[in-house]
Amino acid sequence: MENKQYEEVVTGEVVERFSKCDYCGTKEKIGPTDNAETCCPTCGAKRHEVIEKSLQKKRVEIKKEEPPKQPEPLKGGCAWNGLGKILLFIIVVILIGSVVYVISAMT
């Protein structure tokens, strides 16, 4: 089994609005259009807006770099090269023999 390694990558930023009580510290998440300057439901004191930013992170596997693979040599390539040389030699011998036969027949 392989030992996998991971790293955390930041994928974005989250901005959230809260309404926080100055007196008792009660904090309530509010929407983008809600009013933060209201009275606290717990103690009745005035609340104010608090903006919190946090980073979104994602866990990603670290991939190991592998060396590039060398191409495999073609199998049977040498056999065809040898066969081609033999065929060329036979054709040359036949041509030379034919030329010698024709010349000897003329004389």
N, C-alpha and C. Protein backbone atom coordinates (compact mmCIF):
# COMPACT_ATOMS: atom_id res chain seq x y z
N MET A 1 0.84 -1.18 0.00
CA MET A 1 0.00 0.00 0.00
C MET A 1 0.89 1.25 0.00
N GLU A 2 0.55 2.20 -0.84
CA GLU A 2 1.36 3.41 -0.96
C GLU A 2 1.07 4.37 0.19
N ASN A 3 2.10 5.10 0.58
CA ASN A 3 1.96 6.12 1.61
C ASN A 3 1.67 7.44 0.91
N LYS A 4 0.41 7.88 0.90
CA LYS A 4 0.02 9.09 0.20
C LYS A 4 0.24 10.30 1.09
N GLN A 5 0.68 11.40 0.48
CA GLN A 5 0.89 12.65 1.20
C GLN A 5 -0.10 13.68 0.68
N TYR A 6 -0.58 14.52 1.57
CA TYR A 6 -1.56 15.53 1.22
C TYR A 6 -1.08 16.91 1.66
N GLU A 7 -1.61 17.93 0.99
CA GLU A 7 -1.36 19.31 1.40
C GLU A 7 -2.67 20.08 1.28
N GLU A 8 -2.80 21.15 2.06
CA GLU A 8 -4.01 21.96 2.00
C GLU A 8 -3.78 23.11 1.03
N VAL A 9 -4.75 23.30 0.14
CA VAL A 9 -4.68 24.35 -0.87
C VAL A 9 -5.86 25.31 -0.64
N VAL A 10 -5.59 26.61 -0.63
CA VAL A 10 -6.64 27.61 -0.46
C VAL A 10 -7.43 27.71 -1.76
N THR A 11 -8.76 27.52 -1.65
CA THR A 11 -9.60 27.55 -2.84
C THR A 11 -10.48 28.80 -2.92
N GLY A 12 -10.57 29.55 -1.82
CA GLY A 12 -11.40 30.75 -1.86
C GLY A 12 -11.47 31.41 -0.49
N GLU A 13 -12.23 32.51 -0.42
CA GLU A 13 -12.40 33.25 0.82
C GLU A 13 -13.89 33.39 1.10
N VAL A 14 -14.27 33.19 2.37
CA VAL A 14 -15.67 33.31 2.78
C VAL A 14 -15.79 34.52 3.69
N VAL A 15 -16.74 35.41 3.35
CA VAL A 15 -17.00 36.59 4.17
C VAL A 15 -18.39 36.40 4.78
N GLU A 16 -18.47 36.46 6.12
CA GLU A 16 -19.74 36.29 6.82
C GLU A 16 -20.01 37.51 7.70
N ARG A 17 -21.30 37.89 7.79
CA ARG A 17 -21.72 39.02 8.62
C ARG A 17 -22.40 38.49 9.88
N PHE A 18 -22.07 39.10 11.00
CA PHE A 18 -22.68 38.74 12.27
C PHE A 18 -23.16 40.01 12.97
N SER A 19 -24.16 39.82 13.81
CA SER A 19 -24.62 40.89 14.69
C SER A 19 -24.22 40.46 16.09
N LYS A 20 -23.33 41.25 16.75
CA LYS A 20 -22.78 40.85 18.04
C LYS A 20 -23.17 41.87 19.12
N CYS A 21 -23.54 41.30 20.27
CA CYS A 21 -23.96 42.13 21.39
C CYS A 21 -22.72 42.70 22.08
N ASP A 22 -22.75 44.01 22.38
CA ASP A 22 -21.65 44.68 23.07
C ASP A 22 -21.57 44.26 24.54
N TYR A 23 -22.69 43.88 25.11
CA TYR A 23 -22.73 43.61 26.55
C TYR A 23 -22.49 42.13 26.88
N CYS A 24 -23.31 41.22 26.33
CA CYS A 24 -23.20 39.80 26.72
C CYS A 24 -22.40 38.96 25.73
N GLY A 25 -22.11 39.50 24.55
CA GLY A 25 -21.28 38.79 23.57
C GLY A 25 -22.03 37.83 22.67
N THR A 26 -23.37 37.82 22.76
CA THR A 26 -24.16 36.95 21.89
C THR A 26 -23.91 37.33 20.43
N LYS A 27 -23.66 36.35 19.62
CA LYS A 27 -23.35 36.60 18.21
C LYS A 27 -24.31 35.80 17.36
N GLU A 28 -24.91 36.46 16.36
CA GLU A 28 -25.90 35.83 15.49
C GLU A 28 -25.55 36.14 14.03
N LYS A 29 -25.55 35.12 13.20
CA LYS A 29 -25.24 35.31 11.78
C LYS A 29 -26.42 36.00 11.10
N ILE A 30 -26.08 36.99 10.25
CA ILE A 30 -27.12 37.72 9.54
C ILE A 30 -26.83 37.68 8.04
N GLY A 31 -27.85 37.95 7.25
CA GLY A 31 -27.72 37.95 5.80
C GLY A 31 -27.11 39.24 5.29
N PRO A 32 -26.88 39.34 3.99
CA PRO A 32 -26.21 40.52 3.43
C PRO A 32 -27.05 41.79 3.50
N THR A 33 -28.37 41.68 3.59
CA THR A 33 -29.21 42.89 3.63
C THR A 33 -29.83 43.14 5.00
N ASP A 34 -29.58 42.27 5.98
CA ASP A 34 -30.15 42.43 7.33
C ASP A 34 -29.46 43.56 8.07
N ASN A 35 -30.21 44.20 8.98
CA ASN A 35 -29.67 45.28 9.80
C ASN A 35 -28.98 44.69 11.02
N ALA A 36 -27.71 45.06 11.25
CA ALA A 36 -26.95 44.54 12.39
C ALA A 36 -27.18 45.38 13.65
N GLU A 37 -27.59 46.63 13.50
CA GLU A 37 -27.77 47.54 14.64
C GLU A 37 -29.15 47.34 15.25
N THR A 38 -29.31 46.23 15.99
CA THR A 38 -30.57 45.93 16.66
C THR A 38 -30.31 45.67 18.13
N CYS A 39 -31.37 45.35 18.85
CA CYS A 39 -31.23 45.02 20.28
C CYS A 39 -31.02 43.53 20.44
N CYS A 40 -30.22 43.15 21.43
CA CYS A 40 -29.90 41.75 21.70
C CYS A 40 -31.13 41.04 22.25
N PRO A 41 -31.48 39.86 21.72
CA PRO A 41 -32.64 39.14 22.25
C PRO A 41 -32.38 38.55 23.63
N THR A 42 -31.11 38.43 24.03
CA THR A 42 -30.78 37.84 25.32
C THR A 42 -30.83 38.87 26.45
N CYS A 43 -30.13 40.01 26.26
CA CYS A 43 -30.02 40.98 27.35
C CYS A 43 -30.63 42.34 27.03
N GLY A 44 -30.93 42.63 25.77
CA GLY A 44 -31.55 43.89 25.38
C GLY A 44 -30.57 44.99 25.04
N ALA A 45 -29.26 44.74 25.12
CA ALA A 45 -28.27 45.76 24.79
C ALA A 45 -28.16 45.92 23.27
N LYS A 46 -27.49 46.99 22.87
CA LYS A 46 -27.36 47.26 21.43
C LYS A 46 -26.30 46.32 20.82
N ARG A 47 -26.60 45.81 19.62
CA ARG A 47 -25.64 44.95 18.90
C ARG A 47 -25.02 45.74 17.76
N HIS A 48 -23.85 45.28 17.31
CA HIS A 48 -23.16 45.93 16.19
C HIS A 48 -22.72 44.86 15.18
N GLU A 49 -22.36 45.33 14.01
CA GLU A 49 -21.98 44.41 12.93
C GLU A 49 -20.52 43.97 13.09
N VAL A 50 -20.31 42.67 12.88
CA VAL A 50 -18.97 42.09 12.89
C VAL A 50 -18.82 41.30 11.60
N ILE A 51 -17.73 41.55 10.88
CA ILE A 51 -17.47 40.83 9.63
C ILE A 51 -16.29 39.90 9.86
N GLU A 52 -16.50 38.63 9.54
CA GLU A 52 -15.44 37.64 9.70
C GLU A 52 -15.09 37.06 8.33
N LYS A 53 -13.81 36.98 8.08
CA LYS A 53 -13.32 36.39 6.83
C LYS A 53 -12.58 35.11 7.17
N SER A 54 -12.84 34.10 6.38
CA SER A 54 -12.12 32.83 6.57
C SER A 54 -11.76 32.26 5.20
N LEU A 55 -10.70 31.49 5.16
CA LEU A 55 -10.25 30.90 3.91
C LEU A 55 -10.81 29.49 3.77
N GLN A 56 -11.28 29.17 2.58
CA GLN A 56 -11.72 27.81 2.29
C GLN A 56 -10.50 27.02 1.85
N LYS A 57 -10.32 25.86 2.43
CA LYS A 57 -9.17 25.03 2.09
C LYS A 57 -9.65 23.67 1.62
N LYS A 58 -8.87 23.08 0.75
CA LYS A 58 -9.18 21.76 0.22
C LYS A 58 -7.93 20.90 0.36
N ARG A 59 -8.12 19.64 0.74
CA ARG A 59 -7.00 18.72 0.91
C ARG A 59 -6.73 18.03 -0.42
N VAL A 60 -5.49 18.17 -0.92
CA VAL A 60 -5.12 17.66 -2.24
C VAL A 60 -3.95 16.69 -2.08
N GLU A 61 -4.01 15.59 -2.82
CA GLU A 61 -2.92 14.61 -2.78
C GLU A 61 -1.72 15.14 -3.55
N ILE A 62 -0.54 14.98 -2.97
CA ILE A 62 0.70 15.40 -3.63
C ILE A 62 1.13 14.25 -4.53
N LYS A 63 1.27 14.55 -5.81
CA LYS A 63 1.67 13.51 -6.77
C LYS A 63 3.18 13.51 -6.92
N LYS A 64 3.74 12.32 -6.91
CA LYS A 64 5.18 12.18 -7.07
C LYS A 64 5.52 12.24 -8.55
N GLU A 65 6.61 12.93 -8.87
CA GLU A 65 7.04 13.02 -10.26
C GLU A 65 7.77 11.73 -10.63
N GLU A 66 7.36 11.16 -11.75
CA GLU A 66 8.00 9.95 -12.24
C GLU A 66 8.93 10.32 -13.39
N PRO A 67 10.09 9.65 -13.48
CA PRO A 67 10.99 9.95 -14.59
C PRO A 67 10.33 9.55 -15.92
N PRO A 68 10.65 10.28 -17.00
CA PRO A 68 10.04 9.94 -18.28
C PRO A 68 10.46 8.55 -18.73
N LYS A 69 9.52 7.85 -19.35
CA LYS A 69 9.80 6.49 -19.81
C LYS A 69 10.53 6.52 -21.15
N GLN A 70 11.51 5.62 -21.30
CA GLN A 70 12.24 5.50 -22.55
C GLN A 70 11.40 4.66 -23.52
N PRO A 71 11.33 5.04 -24.79
CA PRO A 71 10.56 4.24 -25.74
C PRO A 71 11.20 2.86 -25.93
N GLU A 72 10.34 1.86 -26.04
CA GLU A 72 10.85 0.51 -26.22
C GLU A 72 11.33 0.32 -27.66
N PRO A 73 12.45 -0.38 -27.86
CA PRO A 73 12.92 -0.62 -29.23
C PRO A 73 11.94 -1.54 -29.97
N LEU A 74 11.83 -1.34 -31.27
CA LEU A 74 10.93 -2.16 -32.08
C LEU A 74 11.46 -3.58 -32.17
N LYS A 75 10.57 -4.52 -31.94
CA LYS A 75 10.98 -5.92 -32.00
C LYS A 75 10.90 -6.38 -33.45
N GLY A 76 11.88 -7.16 -33.88
CA GLY A 76 11.88 -7.70 -35.24
C GLY A 76 12.40 -6.74 -36.28
N GLY A 77 12.81 -5.55 -35.88
CA GLY A 77 13.31 -4.57 -36.83
C GLY A 77 14.60 -5.04 -37.50
N CYS A 78 15.46 -5.69 -36.75
CA CYS A 78 16.73 -6.16 -37.32
C CYS A 78 16.49 -7.28 -38.32
N ALA A 79 15.52 -8.14 -38.11
CA ALA A 79 15.25 -9.26 -39.02
C ALA A 79 14.85 -8.75 -40.40
N TRP A 80 14.02 -7.71 -40.46
CA TRP A 80 13.61 -7.16 -41.75
C TRP A 80 14.78 -6.49 -42.45
N ASN A 81 15.63 -5.80 -41.70
CA ASN A 81 16.80 -5.17 -42.31
C ASN A 81 17.72 -6.22 -42.92
N GLY A 82 17.94 -7.32 -42.21
CA GLY A 82 18.79 -8.39 -42.73
C GLY A 82 18.18 -9.04 -43.97
N LEU A 83 16.87 -9.26 -43.96
CA LEU A 83 16.18 -9.88 -45.10
C LEU A 83 16.26 -8.97 -46.32
N GLY A 84 16.12 -7.67 -46.12
CA GLY A 84 16.22 -6.72 -47.23
C GLY A 84 17.61 -6.74 -47.86
N LYS A 85 18.64 -6.84 -47.04
CA LYS A 85 20.01 -6.90 -47.56
C LYS A 85 20.23 -8.17 -48.37
N ILE A 86 19.70 -9.29 -47.90
CA ILE A 86 19.85 -10.56 -48.62
C ILE A 86 19.13 -10.49 -49.97
N LEU A 87 17.90 -9.96 -49.98
CA LEU A 87 17.17 -9.84 -51.25
C LEU A 87 17.90 -8.93 -52.23
N LEU A 88 18.45 -7.81 -51.75
CA LEU A 88 19.21 -6.91 -52.62
C LEU A 88 20.43 -7.62 -53.20
N PHE A 89 21.14 -8.41 -52.39
CA PHE A 89 22.31 -9.15 -52.86
C PHE A 89 21.91 -10.15 -53.96
N ILE A 90 20.80 -10.87 -53.76
CA ILE A 90 20.35 -11.85 -54.78
C ILE A 90 20.00 -11.16 -56.07
N ILE A 91 19.32 -10.01 -56.01
CA ILE A 91 18.95 -9.29 -57.24
C ILE A 91 20.19 -8.81 -57.98
N VAL A 92 21.17 -8.30 -57.25
CA VAL A 92 22.41 -7.82 -57.88
C VAL A 92 23.13 -8.99 -58.56
N VAL A 93 23.20 -10.16 -57.89
CA VAL A 93 23.87 -11.33 -58.47
C VAL A 93 23.15 -11.77 -59.73
N ILE A 94 21.82 -11.78 -59.71
CA ILE A 94 21.05 -12.18 -60.90
C ILE A 94 21.30 -11.20 -62.05
N LEU A 95 21.31 -9.90 -61.75
CA LEU A 95 21.56 -8.91 -62.80
C LEU A 95 22.96 -9.06 -63.39
N ILE A 96 23.95 -9.24 -62.55
CA ILE A 96 25.32 -9.42 -63.04
C ILE A 96 25.41 -10.70 -63.88
N GLY A 97 24.78 -11.76 -63.40
CA GLY A 97 24.78 -13.01 -64.17
C GLY A 97 24.12 -12.86 -65.52
N SER A 98 22.99 -12.12 -65.54
CA SER A 98 22.29 -11.90 -66.81
C SER A 98 23.14 -11.09 -67.78
N VAL A 99 23.80 -10.04 -67.29
CA VAL A 99 24.65 -9.21 -68.13
C VAL A 99 25.82 -10.04 -68.68
N VAL A 100 26.43 -10.85 -67.83
CA VAL A 100 27.56 -11.69 -68.27
C VAL A 100 27.05 -12.71 -69.29
N TYR A 101 25.87 -13.28 -69.13
CA TYR A 101 25.32 -14.27 -70.07
C TYR A 101 25.05 -13.61 -71.41
N VAL A 102 24.46 -12.41 -71.38
CA VAL A 102 24.15 -11.72 -72.64
C VAL A 102 25.44 -11.36 -73.38
N ILE A 103 26.44 -10.88 -72.66
CA ILE A 103 27.71 -10.51 -73.30
C ILE A 103 28.40 -11.73 -73.87
N SER A 104 28.39 -12.85 -73.13
CA SER A 104 29.05 -14.05 -73.64
C SER A 104 28.29 -14.63 -74.83
N ALA A 105 26.98 -14.44 -74.92
CA ALA A 105 26.19 -14.95 -76.03
C ALA A 105 26.43 -14.13 -77.28
N MET A 106 26.79 -12.88 -77.14
CA MET A 106 27.01 -12.02 -78.27
C MET A 106 28.36 -12.32 -78.94
N THR A 107 29.27 -12.83 -78.25
CA THR A 107 30.57 -13.10 -78.82
C THR A 107 30.71 -14.47 -79.38
